[in-house]
Amino acid sequence: MIGNVIGLAALALGWRRSIWTWPAQLLSGLVLVAAYASAQLSGGVGKQLLVIAVAAWGWRQWTLGKQQAQDGSLAVRFATGKERALLAGGAALGTLAVGGLFTLYPSLSWSPWADAYIFVGTLVAMVAQARGLVEFWFAWLLVDVVGVPLAFSSGLAFSGFVYVLYGALVLWGMRDWWLRSRQPALEGAPA
């Protein structure tokens, strides 16, 4: 429960384009690693370790300021066609690879393809977020499409409820980033 609540806070901070989204994601990952390890869910532990690694990379990306807007906040934009193709292709290939792995080793997941989809979708969303791409919100919505029903059907009502809250935050965050990406550059400012 604590890890999911921290994850919600991390998403809200991402919506606000706050650098604190990344430490919150790291903390959430650490708490969830402990929870999954205590429940002997090695697939969950592996997922969170990857989330922690991507969160550390994202934090570095935002700290370096490569996506700075004129007002000092994170500059956001839509992905190029090539970036979208890479994200979609990576998601498809990653899901096939992870789903295949989970199928070969059933102890890693009781729902291999849904877990693979959520796992890879989470990583795609975080990579897009680290790059300041509006598509990160779409990736989260696609994760929720599978994550919400899976959580409720698995008897994990609290997680399902958290995913519903994630969905609402994602819609608000998507709107904010979408509008921000459409704002014209300040006159005389470098693009």
N, C-alpha and C. Protein backbone atom coordinates (compact mmCIF):
# COMPACT_ATOMS: atom_id res chain seq x y z
N MET A 1 0.84 -1.19 0.00
CA MET A 1 0.00 0.00 0.00
C MET A 1 0.88 1.26 0.00
N ILE A 2 1.92 1.26 0.83
CA ILE A 2 2.81 2.43 0.92
C ILE A 2 3.51 2.67 -0.42
N GLY A 3 4.00 1.60 -1.04
CA GLY A 3 4.68 1.74 -2.33
C GLY A 3 3.76 2.29 -3.40
N ASN A 4 2.50 1.83 -3.41
CA ASN A 4 1.53 2.34 -4.39
C ASN A 4 1.18 3.80 -4.15
N VAL A 5 1.06 4.18 -2.89
CA VAL A 5 0.74 5.58 -2.57
C VAL A 5 1.91 6.49 -2.99
N ILE A 6 3.13 6.05 -2.72
CA ILE A 6 4.30 6.83 -3.16
C ILE A 6 4.34 6.90 -4.69
N GLY A 7 3.96 5.79 -5.35
CA GLY A 7 3.89 5.79 -6.81
C GLY A 7 2.88 6.81 -7.33
N LEU A 8 1.75 6.94 -6.64
CA LEU A 8 0.76 7.97 -7.01
C LEU A 8 1.36 9.36 -6.88
N ALA A 9 2.08 9.56 -5.78
CA ALA A 9 2.72 10.87 -5.58
C ALA A 9 3.74 11.14 -6.69
N ALA A 10 4.48 10.10 -7.08
CA ALA A 10 5.47 10.27 -8.16
C ALA A 10 4.80 10.67 -9.46
N LEU A 11 3.64 10.06 -9.74
CA LEU A 11 2.93 10.42 -10.97
C LEU A 11 2.42 11.86 -10.91
N ALA A 12 1.91 12.26 -9.76
CA ALA A 12 1.44 13.65 -9.61
C ALA A 12 2.60 14.62 -9.77
N LEU A 13 3.77 14.28 -9.24
CA LEU A 13 4.94 15.13 -9.40
C LEU A 13 5.39 15.18 -10.86
N GLY A 14 5.25 14.06 -11.57
CA GLY A 14 5.57 14.05 -13.00
C GLY A 14 4.64 14.95 -13.78
N TRP A 15 3.38 14.97 -13.40
CA TRP A 15 2.40 15.86 -14.03
C TRP A 15 2.85 17.30 -13.88
N ARG A 16 3.36 17.63 -12.70
CA ARG A 16 3.81 19.00 -12.42
C ARG A 16 5.21 19.26 -12.96
N ARG A 17 5.82 18.25 -13.60
CA ARG A 17 7.17 18.35 -14.18
C ARG A 17 8.21 18.65 -13.09
N SER A 18 8.00 18.08 -11.92
CA SER A 18 8.91 18.29 -10.79
C SER A 18 10.01 17.24 -10.81
N ILE A 19 11.23 17.66 -10.59
CA ILE A 19 12.36 16.75 -10.50
C ILE A 19 12.15 15.70 -9.41
N TRP A 20 11.30 16.02 -8.42
CA TRP A 20 11.05 15.11 -7.30
C TRP A 20 10.28 13.87 -7.71
N THR A 21 9.76 13.84 -8.94
CA THR A 21 9.08 12.63 -9.42
C THR A 21 10.02 11.43 -9.41
N TRP A 22 11.30 11.68 -9.73
CA TRP A 22 12.25 10.57 -9.83
C TRP A 22 12.65 9.99 -8.48
N PRO A 23 13.00 10.81 -7.47
CA PRO A 23 13.27 10.19 -6.15
C PRO A 23 12.04 9.47 -5.60
N ALA A 24 10.85 10.02 -5.88
CA ALA A 24 9.63 9.35 -5.41
C ALA A 24 9.47 8.00 -6.11
N GLN A 25 9.79 7.93 -7.40
CA GLN A 25 9.71 6.66 -8.11
C GLN A 25 10.75 5.67 -7.57
N LEU A 26 11.94 6.17 -7.26
CA LEU A 26 12.97 5.31 -6.66
C LEU A 26 12.50 4.75 -5.32
N LEU A 27 11.96 5.61 -4.47
CA LEU A 27 11.49 5.18 -3.16
C LEU A 27 10.35 4.17 -3.30
N SER A 28 9.42 4.46 -4.18
CA SER A 28 8.31 3.54 -4.43
C SER A 28 8.85 2.18 -4.87
N GLY A 29 9.82 2.19 -5.77
CA GLY A 29 10.43 0.95 -6.23
C GLY A 29 11.08 0.16 -5.11
N LEU A 30 11.80 0.86 -4.24
CA LEU A 30 12.46 0.19 -3.11
C LEU A 30 11.44 -0.44 -2.16
N VAL A 31 10.37 0.29 -1.87
CA VAL A 31 9.33 -0.25 -0.99
C VAL A 31 8.68 -1.47 -1.64
N LEU A 32 8.41 -1.38 -2.94
CA LEU A 32 7.76 -2.50 -3.63
C LEU A 32 8.70 -3.70 -3.78
N VAL A 33 10.01 -3.46 -3.92
CA VAL A 33 10.96 -4.58 -3.94
C VAL A 33 10.85 -5.35 -2.63
N ALA A 34 10.84 -4.63 -1.52
CA ALA A 34 10.73 -5.29 -0.21
C ALA A 34 9.41 -6.05 -0.08
N ALA A 35 8.32 -5.45 -0.56
CA ALA A 35 7.02 -6.11 -0.47
C ALA A 35 6.98 -7.37 -1.33
N TYR A 36 7.46 -7.27 -2.57
CA TYR A 36 7.45 -8.44 -3.45
C TYR A 36 8.40 -9.52 -2.95
N ALA A 37 9.55 -9.13 -2.42
CA ALA A 37 10.51 -10.11 -1.90
C ALA A 37 9.91 -10.86 -0.71
N SER A 38 9.21 -10.15 0.17
CA SER A 38 8.61 -10.80 1.33
C SER A 38 7.49 -11.76 0.91
N ALA A 39 6.85 -11.48 -0.23
CA ALA A 39 5.80 -12.37 -0.75
C ALA A 39 6.37 -13.41 -1.70
N GLN A 40 7.70 -13.42 -1.88
CA GLN A 40 8.41 -14.34 -2.77
C GLN A 40 7.90 -14.26 -4.20
N LEU A 41 7.67 -13.04 -4.68
CA LEU A 41 7.25 -12.79 -6.06
C LEU A 41 8.45 -12.25 -6.84
N SER A 42 9.25 -13.15 -7.35
CA SER A 42 10.50 -12.73 -7.99
C SER A 42 10.26 -11.90 -9.24
N GLY A 43 9.18 -12.14 -9.96
CA GLY A 43 8.87 -11.32 -11.13
C GLY A 43 8.63 -9.88 -10.75
N GLY A 44 7.91 -9.66 -9.65
CA GLY A 44 7.66 -8.31 -9.16
C GLY A 44 8.93 -7.63 -8.71
N VAL A 45 9.82 -8.40 -8.07
CA VAL A 45 11.11 -7.84 -7.64
C VAL A 45 11.90 -7.41 -8.86
N GLY A 46 11.96 -8.27 -9.87
CA GLY A 46 12.70 -7.94 -11.10
C GLY A 46 12.16 -6.70 -11.77
N LYS A 47 10.83 -6.59 -11.84
CA LYS A 47 10.22 -5.41 -12.45
C LYS A 47 10.63 -4.16 -11.70
N GLN A 48 10.54 -4.20 -10.38
CA GLN A 48 10.85 -3.00 -9.61
C GLN A 48 12.33 -2.64 -9.69
N LEU A 49 13.20 -3.63 -9.79
CA LEU A 49 14.63 -3.32 -9.96
C LEU A 49 14.87 -2.59 -11.28
N LEU A 50 14.17 -3.01 -12.33
CA LEU A 50 14.28 -2.31 -13.61
C LEU A 50 13.68 -0.91 -13.51
N VAL A 51 12.55 -0.78 -12.82
CA VAL A 51 11.93 0.54 -12.62
C VAL A 51 12.90 1.46 -11.88
N ILE A 52 13.58 0.92 -10.87
CA ILE A 52 14.55 1.72 -10.11
C ILE A 52 15.67 2.20 -11.03
N ALA A 53 16.18 1.31 -11.87
CA ALA A 53 17.26 1.68 -12.80
C ALA A 53 16.80 2.76 -13.78
N VAL A 54 15.60 2.61 -14.35
CA VAL A 54 15.10 3.61 -15.29
C VAL A 54 14.81 4.92 -14.57
N ALA A 55 14.32 4.86 -13.33
CA ALA A 55 14.08 6.09 -12.55
C ALA A 55 15.39 6.82 -12.28
N ALA A 56 16.45 6.08 -11.99
CA ALA A 56 17.75 6.73 -11.77
C ALA A 56 18.23 7.41 -13.06
N TRP A 57 18.04 6.74 -14.18
CA TRP A 57 18.41 7.33 -15.48
C TRP A 57 17.55 8.56 -15.78
N GLY A 58 16.25 8.47 -15.53
CA GLY A 58 15.35 9.60 -15.77
C GLY A 58 15.71 10.79 -14.90
N TRP A 59 16.05 10.54 -13.66
CA TRP A 59 16.45 11.59 -12.74
C TRP A 59 17.69 12.29 -13.29
N ARG A 60 18.63 11.51 -13.77
CA ARG A 60 19.85 12.09 -14.35
C ARG A 60 19.51 12.93 -15.59
N GLN A 61 18.63 12.43 -16.43
CA GLN A 61 18.24 13.17 -17.64
C GLN A 61 17.65 14.53 -17.28
N TRP A 62 16.74 14.53 -16.32
CA TRP A 62 16.10 15.78 -15.93
C TRP A 62 17.07 16.69 -15.19
N THR A 63 17.97 16.12 -14.40
CA THR A 63 18.94 16.92 -13.66
C THR A 63 19.92 17.61 -14.60
N LEU A 64 20.30 16.93 -15.67
CA LEU A 64 21.22 17.53 -16.64
C LEU A 64 20.57 18.71 -17.37
N GLY A 65 19.25 18.79 -17.29
CA GLY A 65 18.55 19.94 -17.87
C GLY A 65 18.49 19.94 -19.38
N LYS A 66 18.58 18.77 -19.99
CA LYS A 66 18.54 18.72 -21.45
C LYS A 66 17.19 19.14 -22.01
N GLN A 67 16.15 19.09 -21.18
CA GLN A 67 14.82 19.45 -21.66
C GLN A 67 14.30 20.71 -20.96
N GLN A 68 15.15 21.69 -20.74
CA GLN A 68 14.73 22.90 -20.03
C GLN A 68 13.91 23.83 -20.92
N ALA A 69 12.80 24.31 -20.38
CA ALA A 69 12.00 25.32 -21.06
C ALA A 69 12.53 26.69 -20.66
N GLN A 70 12.03 27.73 -21.29
CA GLN A 70 12.48 29.10 -21.01
C GLN A 70 12.21 29.51 -19.56
N ASP A 71 11.12 28.98 -18.97
CA ASP A 71 10.80 29.36 -17.59
C ASP A 71 11.51 28.49 -16.57
N GLY A 72 12.42 27.63 -17.01
CA GLY A 72 13.18 26.78 -16.11
C GLY A 72 12.52 25.44 -15.82
N SER A 73 11.28 25.25 -16.26
CA SER A 73 10.60 23.98 -16.05
C SER A 73 11.01 23.00 -17.15
N LEU A 74 10.52 21.80 -17.05
CA LEU A 74 10.81 20.78 -18.05
C LEU A 74 10.09 21.12 -19.35
N ALA A 75 10.82 21.15 -20.44
CA ALA A 75 10.21 21.35 -21.75
C ALA A 75 9.64 20.01 -22.21
N VAL A 76 8.40 20.01 -22.64
CA VAL A 76 7.76 18.78 -23.11
C VAL A 76 7.40 18.93 -24.58
N ARG A 77 7.36 17.80 -25.25
CA ARG A 77 7.06 17.80 -26.68
C ARG A 77 6.50 16.45 -27.08
N PHE A 78 5.91 16.42 -28.27
CA PHE A 78 5.49 15.16 -28.84
C PHE A 78 6.70 14.48 -29.47
N ALA A 79 6.70 13.17 -29.47
CA ALA A 79 7.78 12.41 -30.08
C ALA A 79 7.75 12.59 -31.60
N THR A 80 8.91 12.44 -32.21
CA THR A 80 8.97 12.43 -33.67
C THR A 80 8.41 11.09 -34.15
N GLY A 81 8.18 10.98 -35.43
CA GLY A 81 7.71 9.72 -35.99
C GLY A 81 8.67 8.57 -35.70
N LYS A 82 9.95 8.85 -35.81
CA LYS A 82 10.97 7.82 -35.54
C LYS A 82 10.93 7.41 -34.07
N GLU A 83 10.81 8.39 -33.16
CA GLU A 83 10.75 8.07 -31.73
C GLU A 83 9.52 7.24 -31.40
N ARG A 84 8.38 7.59 -32.02
CA ARG A 84 7.15 6.81 -31.79
C ARG A 84 7.32 5.38 -32.28
N ALA A 85 7.93 5.24 -33.44
CA ALA A 85 8.15 3.89 -33.98
C ALA A 85 9.07 3.09 -33.06
N LEU A 86 10.10 3.74 -32.53
CA LEU A 86 11.01 3.04 -31.61
C LEU A 86 10.29 2.65 -30.31
N LEU A 87 9.47 3.56 -29.78
CA LEU A 87 8.72 3.24 -28.56
C LEU A 87 7.75 2.09 -28.79
N ALA A 88 6.99 2.15 -29.88
CA ALA A 88 6.01 1.11 -30.19
C ALA A 88 6.70 -0.22 -30.50
N GLY A 89 7.76 -0.17 -31.30
CA GLY A 89 8.50 -1.39 -31.62
C GLY A 89 9.14 -2.00 -30.40
N GLY A 90 9.73 -1.15 -29.56
CA GLY A 90 10.33 -1.64 -28.32
C GLY A 90 9.29 -2.26 -27.41
N ALA A 91 8.10 -1.64 -27.35
CA ALA A 91 7.02 -2.19 -26.52
C ALA A 91 6.57 -3.55 -27.04
N ALA A 92 6.41 -3.67 -28.35
CA ALA A 92 5.97 -4.95 -28.93
C ALA A 92 7.03 -6.04 -28.73
N LEU A 93 8.26 -5.74 -29.10
CA LEU A 93 9.32 -6.74 -28.97
C LEU A 93 9.59 -7.08 -27.50
N GLY A 94 9.58 -6.05 -26.65
CA GLY A 94 9.80 -6.28 -25.23
C GLY A 94 8.70 -7.15 -24.62
N THR A 95 7.46 -6.89 -25.00
CA THR A 95 6.35 -7.69 -24.48
C THR A 95 6.47 -9.14 -24.94
N LEU A 96 6.84 -9.34 -26.20
CA LEU A 96 7.04 -10.72 -26.69
C LEU A 96 8.17 -11.41 -25.93
N ALA A 97 9.27 -10.71 -25.72
CA ALA A 97 10.42 -11.31 -25.03
C ALA A 97 10.09 -11.62 -23.57
N VAL A 98 9.52 -10.64 -22.86
CA VAL A 98 9.22 -10.84 -21.44
C VAL A 98 8.09 -11.86 -21.27
N GLY A 99 7.07 -11.78 -22.14
CA GLY A 99 5.98 -12.77 -22.08
C GLY A 99 6.50 -14.17 -22.33
N GLY A 100 7.43 -14.30 -23.29
CA GLY A 100 8.03 -15.60 -23.55
C GLY A 100 8.81 -16.10 -22.35
N LEU A 101 9.58 -15.22 -21.73
CA LEU A 101 10.34 -15.59 -20.53
C LEU A 101 9.42 -16.03 -19.40
N PHE A 102 8.35 -15.25 -19.17
CA PHE A 102 7.40 -15.58 -18.12
C PHE A 102 6.68 -16.91 -18.42
N THR A 103 6.46 -17.20 -19.70
CA THR A 103 5.82 -18.46 -20.08
C THR A 103 6.77 -19.63 -19.84
N LEU A 104 8.05 -19.43 -20.17
CA LEU A 104 9.04 -20.48 -19.94
C LEU A 104 9.27 -20.77 -18.46
N TYR A 105 9.18 -19.73 -17.64
CA TYR A 105 9.40 -19.85 -16.20
C TYR A 105 8.15 -19.38 -15.46
N PRO A 106 7.15 -20.26 -15.38
CA PRO A 106 5.86 -19.87 -14.78
C PRO A 106 5.96 -19.38 -13.33
N SER A 107 7.03 -19.69 -12.65
CA SER A 107 7.17 -19.21 -11.27
C SER A 107 7.36 -17.70 -11.22
N LEU A 108 7.73 -17.09 -12.35
CA LEU A 108 7.93 -15.64 -12.38
C LEU A 108 6.62 -14.88 -12.47
N SER A 109 5.58 -15.51 -13.02
CA SER A 109 4.31 -14.81 -13.20
C SER A 109 3.18 -15.80 -13.38
N TRP A 110 2.06 -15.54 -12.73
CA TRP A 110 0.89 -16.40 -12.92
C TRP A 110 0.05 -15.92 -14.10
N SER A 111 0.33 -14.73 -14.63
CA SER A 111 -0.37 -14.18 -15.80
C SER A 111 0.69 -13.60 -16.74
N PRO A 112 1.42 -14.49 -17.45
CA PRO A 112 2.64 -14.05 -18.16
C PRO A 112 2.44 -12.93 -19.17
N TRP A 113 1.41 -12.98 -19.98
CA TRP A 113 1.28 -11.99 -21.05
C TRP A 113 0.78 -10.65 -20.52
N ALA A 114 -0.16 -10.69 -19.59
CA ALA A 114 -0.63 -9.43 -18.99
C ALA A 114 0.50 -8.78 -18.19
N ASP A 115 1.23 -9.59 -17.42
CA ASP A 115 2.35 -9.05 -16.65
C ASP A 115 3.43 -8.49 -17.56
N ALA A 116 3.71 -9.19 -18.66
CA ALA A 116 4.73 -8.71 -19.61
C ALA A 116 4.30 -7.38 -20.21
N TYR A 117 3.03 -7.29 -20.57
CA TYR A 117 2.49 -6.06 -21.16
C TYR A 117 2.61 -4.89 -20.18
N ILE A 118 2.23 -5.12 -18.92
CA ILE A 118 2.30 -4.07 -17.90
C ILE A 118 3.76 -3.70 -17.62
N PHE A 119 4.60 -4.71 -17.50
CA PHE A 119 6.02 -4.52 -17.21
C PHE A 119 6.68 -3.67 -18.29
N VAL A 120 6.54 -4.08 -19.54
CA VAL A 120 7.19 -3.37 -20.65
C VAL A 120 6.53 -2.01 -20.85
N GLY A 121 5.22 -1.94 -20.73
CA GLY A 121 4.53 -0.65 -20.86
C GLY A 121 4.99 0.36 -19.83
N THR A 122 5.24 -0.10 -18.62
CA THR A 122 5.75 0.77 -17.55
C THR A 122 7.12 1.31 -17.94
N LEU A 123 7.99 0.44 -18.44
CA LEU A 123 9.32 0.88 -18.84
C LEU A 123 9.26 1.86 -20.02
N VAL A 124 8.40 1.59 -20.99
CA VAL A 124 8.24 2.50 -22.14
C VAL A 124 7.76 3.86 -21.65
N ALA A 125 6.79 3.86 -20.73
CA ALA A 125 6.27 5.13 -20.20
C ALA A 125 7.37 5.90 -19.49
N MET A 126 8.17 5.21 -18.68
CA MET A 126 9.22 5.91 -17.93
C MET A 126 10.32 6.46 -18.84
N VAL A 127 10.66 5.72 -19.88
CA VAL A 127 11.67 6.20 -20.84
C VAL A 127 11.14 7.44 -21.55
N ALA A 128 9.87 7.39 -21.98
CA ALA A 128 9.27 8.56 -22.64
C ALA A 128 9.19 9.74 -21.69
N GLN A 129 8.88 9.48 -20.42
CA GLN A 129 8.83 10.57 -19.43
C GLN A 129 10.20 11.20 -19.27
N ALA A 130 11.23 10.37 -19.17
CA ALA A 130 12.59 10.89 -19.00
C ALA A 130 13.00 11.78 -20.16
N ARG A 131 12.45 11.51 -21.34
CA ARG A 131 12.77 12.30 -22.52
C ARG A 131 11.83 13.49 -22.69
N GLY A 132 10.87 13.65 -21.77
CA GLY A 132 9.94 14.78 -21.84
C GLY A 132 8.92 14.64 -22.95
N LEU A 133 8.55 13.41 -23.30
CA LEU A 133 7.62 13.16 -24.40
C LEU A 133 6.19 13.03 -23.88
N VAL A 134 5.27 13.72 -24.53
CA VAL A 134 3.86 13.66 -24.16
C VAL A 134 3.34 12.22 -24.24
N GLU A 135 3.90 11.43 -25.13
CA GLU A 135 3.45 10.05 -25.32
C GLU A 135 3.58 9.20 -24.05
N PHE A 136 4.36 9.67 -23.10
CA PHE A 136 4.49 8.92 -21.85
C PHE A 136 3.13 8.73 -21.20
N TRP A 137 2.26 9.72 -21.32
CA TRP A 137 0.92 9.61 -20.73
C TRP A 137 0.09 8.57 -21.46
N PHE A 138 0.21 8.50 -22.79
CA PHE A 138 -0.52 7.49 -23.55
C PHE A 138 -0.06 6.09 -23.15
N ALA A 139 1.25 5.93 -22.93
CA ALA A 139 1.77 4.63 -22.51
C ALA A 139 1.16 4.23 -21.16
N TRP A 140 1.03 5.19 -20.23
CA TRP A 140 0.43 4.87 -18.94
C TRP A 140 -1.04 4.48 -19.10
N LEU A 141 -1.76 5.16 -19.98
CA LEU A 141 -3.17 4.79 -20.21
C LEU A 141 -3.27 3.37 -20.73
N LEU A 142 -2.39 3.01 -21.66
CA LEU A 142 -2.41 1.66 -22.20
C LEU A 142 -2.07 0.62 -21.13
N VAL A 143 -1.20 0.97 -20.20
CA VAL A 143 -0.90 0.06 -19.09
C VAL A 143 -2.14 -0.09 -18.21
N ASP A 144 -2.84 1.00 -17.94
CA ASP A 144 -4.04 0.96 -17.10
C ASP A 144 -5.15 0.12 -17.72
N VAL A 145 -5.25 0.12 -19.06
CA VAL A 145 -6.30 -0.65 -19.73
C VAL A 145 -6.21 -2.14 -19.35
N VAL A 146 -5.02 -2.64 -19.15
CA VAL A 146 -4.83 -4.03 -18.73
C VAL A 146 -4.70 -4.13 -17.21
N GLY A 147 -4.00 -3.18 -16.60
CA GLY A 147 -3.71 -3.25 -15.17
C GLY A 147 -4.94 -3.17 -14.28
N VAL A 148 -5.90 -2.32 -14.61
CA VAL A 148 -7.09 -2.15 -13.76
C VAL A 148 -7.92 -3.43 -13.73
N PRO A 149 -8.34 -3.96 -14.88
CA PRO A 149 -9.14 -5.20 -14.83
C PRO A 149 -8.37 -6.37 -14.21
N LEU A 150 -7.07 -6.46 -14.50
CA LEU A 150 -6.27 -7.55 -13.94
C LEU A 150 -6.22 -7.47 -12.42
N ALA A 151 -6.03 -6.28 -11.88
CA ALA A 151 -5.96 -6.12 -10.43
C ALA A 151 -7.28 -6.51 -9.78
N PHE A 152 -8.39 -6.01 -10.32
CA PHE A 152 -9.69 -6.33 -9.73
C PHE A 152 -10.03 -7.82 -9.87
N SER A 153 -9.74 -8.40 -11.03
CA SER A 153 -10.05 -9.83 -11.23
C SER A 153 -9.15 -10.73 -10.40
N SER A 154 -8.02 -10.21 -9.96
CA SER A 154 -7.09 -10.98 -9.14
C SER A 154 -7.36 -10.82 -7.65
N GLY A 155 -8.39 -10.07 -7.30
CA GLY A 155 -8.71 -9.85 -5.89
C GLY A 155 -7.85 -8.78 -5.24
N LEU A 156 -7.15 -7.99 -6.06
CA LEU A 156 -6.30 -6.92 -5.52
C LEU A 156 -7.03 -5.59 -5.67
N ALA A 157 -8.10 -5.45 -4.91
CA ALA A 157 -8.96 -4.28 -5.04
C ALA A 157 -8.22 -2.98 -4.76
N PHE A 158 -7.33 -2.97 -3.75
CA PHE A 158 -6.60 -1.74 -3.45
C PHE A 158 -5.73 -1.33 -4.64
N SER A 159 -5.02 -2.28 -5.22
CA SER A 159 -4.19 -1.97 -6.39
C SER A 159 -5.05 -1.52 -7.55
N GLY A 160 -6.20 -2.16 -7.74
CA GLY A 160 -7.12 -1.74 -8.80
C GLY A 160 -7.60 -0.31 -8.59
N PHE A 161 -7.93 0.02 -7.35
CA PHE A 161 -8.36 1.38 -7.02
C PHE A 161 -7.23 2.38 -7.29
N VAL A 162 -6.01 2.00 -6.90
CA VAL A 162 -4.85 2.88 -7.15
C VAL A 162 -4.68 3.09 -8.65
N TYR A 163 -4.85 2.02 -9.45
CA TYR A 163 -4.74 2.16 -10.91
C TYR A 163 -5.82 3.10 -11.46
N VAL A 164 -7.02 3.05 -10.88
CA VAL A 164 -8.08 3.98 -11.31
C VAL A 164 -7.65 5.42 -11.03
N LEU A 165 -7.06 5.64 -9.84
CA LEU A 165 -6.54 6.99 -9.51
C LEU A 165 -5.42 7.38 -10.46
N TYR A 166 -4.53 6.42 -10.76
CA TYR A 166 -3.49 6.67 -11.75
C TYR A 166 -4.13 7.15 -13.05
N GLY A 167 -5.19 6.47 -13.47
CA GLY A 167 -5.87 6.82 -14.73
C GLY A 167 -6.35 8.27 -14.73
N ALA A 168 -6.95 8.70 -13.62
CA ALA A 168 -7.41 10.08 -13.53
C ALA A 168 -6.23 11.06 -13.59
N LEU A 169 -5.17 10.76 -12.83
CA LEU A 169 -3.98 11.62 -12.87
C LEU A 169 -3.36 11.65 -14.26
N VAL A 170 -3.37 10.50 -14.91
CA VAL A 170 -2.80 10.43 -16.26
C VAL A 170 -3.57 11.33 -17.22
N LEU A 171 -4.89 11.31 -17.14
CA LEU A 171 -5.70 12.15 -18.03
C LEU A 171 -5.43 13.63 -17.78
N TRP A 172 -5.34 14.04 -16.52
CA TRP A 172 -5.05 15.44 -16.20
C TRP A 172 -3.64 15.81 -16.63
N GLY A 173 -2.69 14.92 -16.33
CA GLY A 173 -1.30 15.18 -16.72
C GLY A 173 -1.14 15.24 -18.23
N MET A 174 -1.83 14.35 -18.94
CA MET A 174 -1.75 14.35 -20.39
C MET A 174 -2.26 15.68 -20.95
N ARG A 175 -3.37 16.14 -20.42
CA ARG A 175 -3.92 17.42 -20.88
C ARG A 175 -2.93 18.55 -20.65
N ASP A 176 -2.32 18.59 -19.47
CA ASP A 176 -1.37 19.64 -19.14
C ASP A 176 -0.15 19.60 -20.07
N TRP A 177 0.44 18.41 -20.23
CA TRP A 177 1.63 18.29 -21.08
C TRP A 177 1.27 18.58 -22.54
N TRP A 178 0.09 18.13 -22.97
CA TRP A 178 -0.35 18.36 -24.35
C TRP A 178 -0.43 19.86 -24.61
N LEU A 179 -1.11 20.58 -23.73
CA LEU A 179 -1.25 22.03 -23.89
C LEU A 179 0.11 22.73 -23.81
N ARG A 180 0.94 22.29 -22.89
CA ARG A 180 2.27 22.90 -22.72
C ARG A 180 3.12 22.67 -23.97
N SER A 181 2.98 21.51 -24.61
CA SER A 181 3.78 21.21 -25.80
C SER A 181 3.34 22.06 -26.99
N ARG A 182 2.14 22.56 -26.94
CA ARG A 182 1.59 23.37 -28.04
C ARG A 182 1.84 24.87 -27.86
N GLN A 183 2.42 25.28 -26.72
CA GLN A 183 2.66 26.69 -26.49
C GLN A 183 3.76 27.18 -27.42
N PRO A 184 3.56 28.33 -28.05
CA PRO A 184 4.61 28.85 -28.92
C PRO A 184 5.85 29.26 -28.13
N ALA A 185 6.98 29.16 -28.76
CA ALA A 185 8.24 29.59 -28.12
C ALA A 185 8.19 31.09 -27.89
N LEU A 186 8.87 31.53 -26.83
CA LEU A 186 8.93 32.96 -26.55
C LEU A 186 9.67 33.67 -27.68
N GLU A 187 9.18 34.84 -28.05
CA GLU A 187 9.80 35.60 -29.14
C GLU A 187 11.24 35.95 -28.78
N GLY A 188 12.14 35.66 -29.70
CA GLY A 188 13.55 35.96 -29.51
C GLY A 188 14.29 34.90 -28.74
N ALA A 189 13.55 33.91 -28.20
CA ALA A 189 14.19 32.84 -27.42
C ALA A 189 14.61 31.73 -28.36
N PRO A 190 15.74 31.09 -28.07
CA PRO A 190 16.15 29.97 -28.91
C PRO A 190 15.14 28.84 -28.80
N ALA A 191 14.90 28.16 -29.90
CA ALA A 191 13.90 27.08 -29.93
C ALA A 191 14.42 25.82 -29.30
